[in-house]
Protein backbone atom coordinates (compact mmCIF):
# COMPACT_ATOMS: atom_id res chain seq x y z
CA MET A 1 198.08 -48.86 145.25
CA ARG A 2 199.48 -51.71 147.31
CA ILE A 3 196.97 -54.45 148.11
CA ALA A 4 197.13 -57.76 149.95
CA LEU A 5 195.35 -61.04 149.22
CA SER A 6 194.90 -63.34 152.21
CA GLN A 7 194.44 -66.96 151.21
CA ILE A 8 193.22 -68.77 154.33
CA VAL A 9 191.23 -71.87 155.30
CA SER A 10 188.09 -70.79 157.14
CA GLY A 11 186.61 -73.09 159.75
CA PRO A 12 183.04 -73.32 161.03
CA ARG A 13 183.63 -71.02 164.05
CA PRO A 14 183.37 -67.27 163.27
CA GLU A 15 185.38 -66.17 166.31
CA ARG A 16 188.38 -68.27 165.29
CA ASN A 17 188.18 -66.98 161.73
CA LEU A 18 188.07 -63.41 163.07
CA ALA A 19 191.32 -64.04 164.95
CA VAL A 20 192.98 -65.18 161.70
CA LEU A 21 191.62 -62.10 159.94
CA ARG A 22 193.11 -59.88 162.64
CA GLU A 23 196.59 -61.42 162.34
CA GLN A 24 196.56 -61.23 158.53
CA ALA A 25 195.31 -57.62 158.46
CA HIS A 26 198.13 -56.46 160.72
CA ARG A 27 200.68 -58.34 158.60
CA ALA A 28 199.32 -56.64 155.48
CA ALA A 29 199.42 -53.22 157.13
CA ALA A 30 203.03 -53.79 158.16
CA ALA A 31 203.80 -54.52 154.50
CA GLY A 32 202.31 -51.18 153.48
CA ALA A 33 199.02 -52.43 152.02
CA ARG A 34 196.07 -50.03 151.81
CA LEU A 35 193.60 -52.87 151.27
CA ILE A 36 193.42 -56.53 152.26
CA VAL A 37 191.00 -58.95 150.63
CA PHE A 38 189.88 -62.19 152.26
CA PRO A 39 187.96 -65.05 150.62
CA GLU A 40 184.27 -65.66 150.35
CA ALA A 41 182.91 -67.31 153.51
CA THR A 42 185.68 -65.93 155.71
CA MET A 43 183.15 -65.73 158.54
CA ALA A 44 182.41 -69.48 158.35
CA CYS A 45 183.26 -72.11 155.78
CA PHE A 46 180.75 -73.67 153.43
CA GLY A 47 179.51 -77.12 154.37
CA THR A 48 177.77 -76.18 157.61
CA PRO A 49 174.30 -74.53 157.70
CA PRO A 50 174.86 -70.75 157.39
CA ALA A 51 171.53 -69.56 158.83
CA PRO A 52 172.41 -70.15 162.52
CA LEU A 53 175.66 -68.21 162.03
CA ALA A 54 174.33 -65.29 159.97
CA GLU A 55 174.51 -61.83 161.53
CA PRO A 56 173.44 -58.38 160.34
CA LEU A 57 176.02 -55.87 159.18
CA ASP A 58 175.90 -54.21 162.59
CA GLY A 59 176.30 -57.53 164.41
CA PRO A 60 179.30 -58.69 166.48
CA TRP A 61 181.31 -60.28 163.67
CA ALA A 62 181.09 -57.33 161.27
CA THR A 63 181.75 -54.96 164.17
CA GLY A 64 184.87 -56.98 164.94
CA VAL A 65 186.03 -56.63 161.33
CA ARG A 66 185.50 -52.87 161.49
CA GLN A 67 187.58 -52.64 164.63
CA ILE A 68 190.38 -54.64 163.02
CA ALA A 69 190.32 -52.38 159.95
CA GLU A 70 190.48 -49.30 162.18
CA ASP A 71 193.29 -50.69 164.32
CA ALA A 72 195.34 -51.77 161.30
CA GLY A 73 194.61 -48.58 159.34
CA LEU A 74 193.56 -50.26 156.10
CA VAL A 75 190.42 -51.35 154.26
CA VAL A 76 189.28 -54.94 154.82
CA VAL A 77 187.08 -56.89 152.40
CA ALA A 78 185.80 -60.20 153.76
CA GLY A 79 183.00 -62.67 153.07
CA MET A 80 180.24 -63.23 155.63
CA PHE A 81 176.59 -64.32 155.84
CA THR A 82 173.77 -61.93 156.67
CA PRO A 83 170.09 -62.78 157.28
CA ALA A 84 167.72 -62.57 154.29
CA PRO A 85 164.02 -61.70 154.66
CA ASP A 86 162.83 -65.11 153.43
CA GLY A 87 164.67 -67.13 156.08
CA ARG A 88 167.72 -67.80 153.93
CA VAL A 89 170.94 -65.80 154.18
CA THR A 90 172.78 -63.53 151.78
CA ASN A 91 176.36 -64.26 150.80
CA THR A 92 177.80 -60.86 151.61
CA LEU A 93 181.10 -59.08 151.14
CA LEU A 94 181.77 -56.47 153.80
CA ALA A 95 184.15 -53.68 152.75
CA THR A 96 185.15 -51.48 155.67
CA GLY A 97 187.99 -49.26 156.78
CA PRO A 98 189.16 -45.64 156.67
CA GLY A 99 186.69 -43.77 154.44
CA VAL A 100 184.97 -46.96 153.22
CA GLU A 101 181.79 -48.65 154.42
CA THR A 102 179.75 -50.73 151.97
CA SER A 103 178.66 -54.28 151.23
CA TYR A 104 177.85 -56.48 148.25
CA ASP A 105 175.45 -59.42 148.17
CA LYS A 106 176.44 -62.15 145.71
CA ILE A 107 174.22 -61.94 142.63
CA HIS A 108 174.95 -65.24 140.86
CA LEU A 109 174.45 -68.26 143.13
CA TYR A 110 176.40 -71.49 142.77
CA ASP A 111 173.71 -73.88 141.57
CA ALA A 112 176.16 -76.04 139.66
CA PHE A 113 178.35 -79.13 139.90
CA GLY A 114 175.86 -80.85 142.19
CA TYR A 115 175.63 -78.03 144.74
CA ALA A 116 172.62 -75.73 145.22
CA GLU A 117 173.67 -72.54 146.97
CA SER A 118 170.20 -71.07 146.40
CA ASP A 119 168.71 -73.61 148.83
CA SER A 120 170.15 -71.58 151.70
CA VAL A 121 171.25 -68.30 150.09
CA ALA A 122 169.14 -65.52 148.56
CA PRO A 123 170.65 -63.64 145.58
CA GLY A 124 171.66 -60.01 145.64
CA SER A 125 170.67 -57.52 142.95
CA ARG A 126 173.04 -54.53 143.14
CA VAL A 127 176.31 -53.82 141.38
CA VAL A 128 178.60 -52.32 144.03
CA THR A 129 181.74 -50.22 143.76
CA PHE A 130 183.64 -48.09 146.26
CA ASP A 131 186.46 -45.56 146.11
CA LEU A 132 189.83 -45.83 147.83
CA ASP A 133 192.63 -43.31 147.32
CA GLY A 134 190.91 -42.05 144.19
CA VAL A 135 190.59 -45.53 142.67
CA ARG A 136 187.17 -47.04 142.04
CA ILE A 137 186.96 -50.73 142.98
CA GLY A 138 184.25 -53.26 142.08
CA LEU A 139 183.05 -56.20 144.17
CA ALA A 140 182.15 -59.70 142.94
CA THR A 141 182.04 -63.15 144.53
CA CYS A 142 183.19 -66.55 143.26
CA TYR A 143 180.54 -67.88 140.78
CA ASP A 144 180.04 -64.29 139.58
CA VAL A 145 183.25 -64.80 137.60
CA ARG A 146 181.31 -66.82 135.01
CA PHE A 147 179.23 -63.74 134.14
CA PRO A 148 181.32 -61.14 132.27
CA GLU A 149 178.57 -58.52 132.28
CA LEU A 150 179.11 -57.90 135.99
CA PHE A 151 182.76 -57.02 135.50
CA ARG A 152 181.90 -54.81 132.54
CA ALA A 153 179.39 -53.11 134.85
CA HIS A 154 182.31 -52.40 137.20
CA ALA A 155 184.21 -50.86 134.31
CA ASP A 156 181.20 -48.83 133.19
CA ALA A 157 180.91 -47.50 136.75
CA GLY A 158 184.53 -46.32 136.54
CA ALA A 159 186.30 -49.21 138.28
CA ARG A 160 189.93 -49.95 137.52
CA LEU A 161 190.18 -52.86 139.94
CA SER A 162 187.72 -55.68 140.62
CA LEU A 163 187.94 -57.84 143.74
CA LEU A 164 186.80 -61.47 143.56
CA PRO A 165 186.73 -63.30 146.91
CA ALA A 166 185.92 -66.98 146.34
CA SER A 167 185.53 -70.40 147.86
CA TRP A 168 186.03 -72.31 144.62
CA GLY A 169 184.69 -75.83 144.32
CA ALA A 170 187.26 -78.57 143.74
CA GLY A 171 187.00 -81.20 141.03
CA PRO A 172 188.38 -82.28 137.66
CA GLY A 173 189.31 -79.27 135.56
CA LYS A 174 188.20 -76.74 138.17
CA ARG A 175 191.65 -75.20 138.68
CA GLU A 176 191.99 -74.74 134.93
CA GLN A 177 188.57 -73.09 134.79
CA TRP A 178 189.44 -70.78 137.68
CA GLU A 179 192.65 -69.62 136.03
CA LEU A 180 190.99 -69.17 132.64
CA LEU A 181 188.01 -67.26 134.01
CA ILE A 182 189.90 -64.80 136.18
CA ARG A 183 192.18 -63.93 133.26
CA ALA A 184 189.23 -63.60 130.90
CA ARG A 185 187.29 -61.28 133.22
CA ALA A 186 190.28 -58.98 133.63
CA LEU A 187 190.84 -58.91 129.89
CA ASP A 188 187.29 -58.44 128.67
CA ALA A 189 186.60 -55.63 131.20
CA THR A 190 190.18 -54.29 131.00
CA VAL A 191 190.47 -54.03 134.78
CA TRP A 192 192.93 -55.31 137.33
CA LEU A 193 191.45 -58.39 138.99
CA ALA A 194 192.39 -59.57 142.47
CA ALA A 195 191.01 -63.10 142.85
CA VAL A 196 191.24 -64.41 146.44
CA ASP A 197 190.28 -68.03 147.01
CA GLN A 198 190.09 -70.12 150.14
CA ALA A 199 193.22 -72.25 150.47
CA ASP A 200 192.76 -75.93 149.68
CA PRO A 201 191.82 -77.76 152.91
CA ALA A 202 193.19 -81.00 151.48
CA ALA A 203 196.60 -79.39 150.98
CA THR A 204 196.74 -78.41 154.64
CA GLY A 205 195.28 -81.60 156.10
CA THR A 206 192.23 -79.72 157.39
CA LEU A 207 189.35 -82.06 158.16
CA ALA A 208 185.78 -81.16 157.26
CA ALA A 209 183.49 -80.41 160.16
CA GLU A 210 181.40 -83.34 161.33
CA GLY A 211 178.18 -83.47 159.34
CA ALA A 212 179.45 -81.02 156.72
CA ASP A 213 178.11 -81.24 153.18
CA PRO A 214 180.78 -83.11 151.17
CA THR A 215 179.77 -81.30 147.96
CA ALA A 216 180.33 -77.85 149.49
CA PRO A 217 182.87 -75.59 147.72
CA THR A 218 185.71 -75.17 150.20
CA GLY A 219 188.45 -73.72 147.98
CA ILE A 220 191.42 -74.83 145.93
CA GLY A 221 193.78 -71.90 146.52
CA HIS A 222 195.66 -70.37 143.57
CA SER A 223 194.71 -66.79 144.36
CA ALA A 224 196.13 -64.35 141.84
CA VAL A 225 196.49 -60.76 140.73
CA VAL A 226 195.73 -60.37 137.03
CA GLY A 227 196.58 -57.28 134.99
CA PRO A 228 194.12 -55.51 132.67
CA ASP A 229 195.78 -57.24 129.72
CA GLY A 230 194.84 -60.66 131.14
CA THR A 231 198.32 -61.64 132.29
CA VAL A 232 198.87 -63.14 135.75
CA ARG A 233 201.27 -60.89 137.63
CA GLN A 234 201.45 -62.73 140.97
CA ARG A 235 199.93 -65.93 142.31
CA LEU A 236 199.83 -68.31 145.26
CA GLY A 237 199.73 -72.09 145.36
CA ALA A 238 197.22 -74.32 147.15
CA THR A 239 198.31 -73.67 150.74
CA PRO A 240 197.60 -70.58 152.89
CA GLY A 241 199.58 -67.45 152.15
CA LEU A 242 199.60 -63.66 152.03
CA LEU A 243 200.26 -62.05 148.65
CA VAL A 244 201.17 -58.35 148.53
CA ALA A 245 200.98 -56.67 145.13
CA GLU A 246 201.33 -53.24 143.55
CA ILE A 247 198.45 -52.11 141.33
CA ASP A 248 199.31 -49.50 138.68
CA THR A 249 195.94 -48.07 137.73
CA GLU A 250 197.44 -46.06 134.88
CA GLU A 251 198.03 -49.36 133.13
CA VAL A 252 194.26 -49.62 132.73
CA THR A 253 194.30 -46.40 130.71
CA ALA A 254 197.09 -47.70 128.49
CA VAL A 255 195.42 -51.06 127.86
CA ARG A 256 192.05 -49.46 127.10
CA ARG A 257 193.75 -47.16 124.60
CA THR A 258 195.30 -50.16 122.85
CA VAL A 259 192.43 -52.64 123.13
CA SER A 260 189.22 -50.59 123.17
CA VAL A 261 186.82 -53.47 123.81
CA LEU A 262 184.57 -51.38 126.03
CA ALA A 263 184.23 -48.52 123.56
CA ASN A 264 183.88 -50.94 120.63
CA ARG A 265 180.92 -52.86 122.06
CA ARG A 266 177.75 -53.29 119.99
CA LEU A 267 174.81 -53.77 122.30
CA GLY A 268 171.63 -55.66 121.48
CA ARG A 269 170.66 -55.78 117.81
CA ASP A 270 171.68 -52.22 117.03
CA VAL A 271 174.97 -53.12 115.36
CA ASN A 272 174.80 -50.30 112.83
CA ALA A 273 174.92 -47.42 115.30
CA PRO A 274 178.46 -47.50 116.68
CA ALA A 275 178.50 -44.00 118.15
CA ARG A 276 175.29 -44.49 120.11
CA ALA A 277 176.20 -48.06 121.13
CA ALA A 278 179.53 -46.94 122.51
CA ARG A 279 177.94 -44.47 124.88
CA THR A 280 174.74 -46.33 125.79
CA PRO A 281 175.18 -48.54 128.87
CA HIS A 282 173.74 -52.02 129.05
CA PRO A 283 170.40 -51.92 130.94
CA ALA A 284 171.90 -54.10 133.67
CA HIS A 285 174.56 -51.46 134.25
CA THR A 286 172.35 -48.46 134.86
CA GLY A 287 170.93 -47.10 138.06
CA SER A 288 172.05 -49.71 140.55
CA ALA A 289 175.72 -49.36 139.65
CA ARG A 290 175.59 -45.61 140.14
CA ARG A 291 173.58 -45.80 143.35
CA ALA A 292 175.86 -48.42 144.90
CA ARG A 293 179.11 -46.50 144.57
CA GLY A 294 180.91 -45.89 147.83
C-alpha cells in the first residue's frame, strides 16, 4: 500500500486549512497514494479556543473533507474538533474516502508539560480501526503514543498499520521523546506506524495567532514512517512536506514470526498459564475494538 503523510502548519481558520488539505490530497493522489494522513488539529491549530470552531461530523468542514477525498479518489485522515455533550469538544480524527467512513476521538488527553487539554476537550473511549484494500488500520492521536496498550489493541484487532496524527509540544528533549516513542510503539505492537506531526511553526516563521495560548502544542515536525521492527524507514524535517511511502504489510507477518511479543504476553498475575494468556485479550481490548472496526 502506498500512503502519504502531509506535514503542514495549520492556522486558526478552518477554511484556509481545508484549502491546504485539498492541494495536498491531490498531490498525494497524483503520486499514487491510496491514503493521505494529516496532523492532529488540521481543522484549526491549538492555541485558540476550539469550542467556537467545533462542528459535527456532518458539518461543513467534514463535508468538505469528504468531497476532497471523493474528488482525489483516496482516503483522507485528518484531525478536527467536534462538539461534546458537556460543552467541551472532542479531539477527533475523521477517516473518509472510497469505502471508508469512520472517526476516532482521542482517548488520552494532553494534561502534561504545563498544558491541560482536558479543560476544553472531552476524552474518547473507543478503539477504532478501519479496513482499506484488505489492510486493517488503527487510529491514535498524539499523546496516545505514550500508552502502548492502545497500539497493542490495534494489533489485537488485526491492524498491521497504525496512524498517529499529532501536534507535538515543543520543548527540551521533546523531539528525542517523539522519535523514541514512535519507534517503541511500532516495535512493541509489531505494526507499521505512520506518525504525522504538524510542521514546526518556528521553522517556517509562522506567527502565533493574537491571544493564542503560548503553552499550546503546535508541532515540531519530524513526521516518520516506522517499520514493524522499530526502524525508521522515511522521515521529514521540521518544515512542511509531503512524504510518500510504500507499506509492505507482509513484513508484519515476518516480524511477528521472529519476535512474537504479542503471542508471548503474560497478562495480569496469571504468569503460569501461557497458552491461555496468549489467547485471552486484555480487558481494554475487547468489545469496543471489535465494534469500532470499519
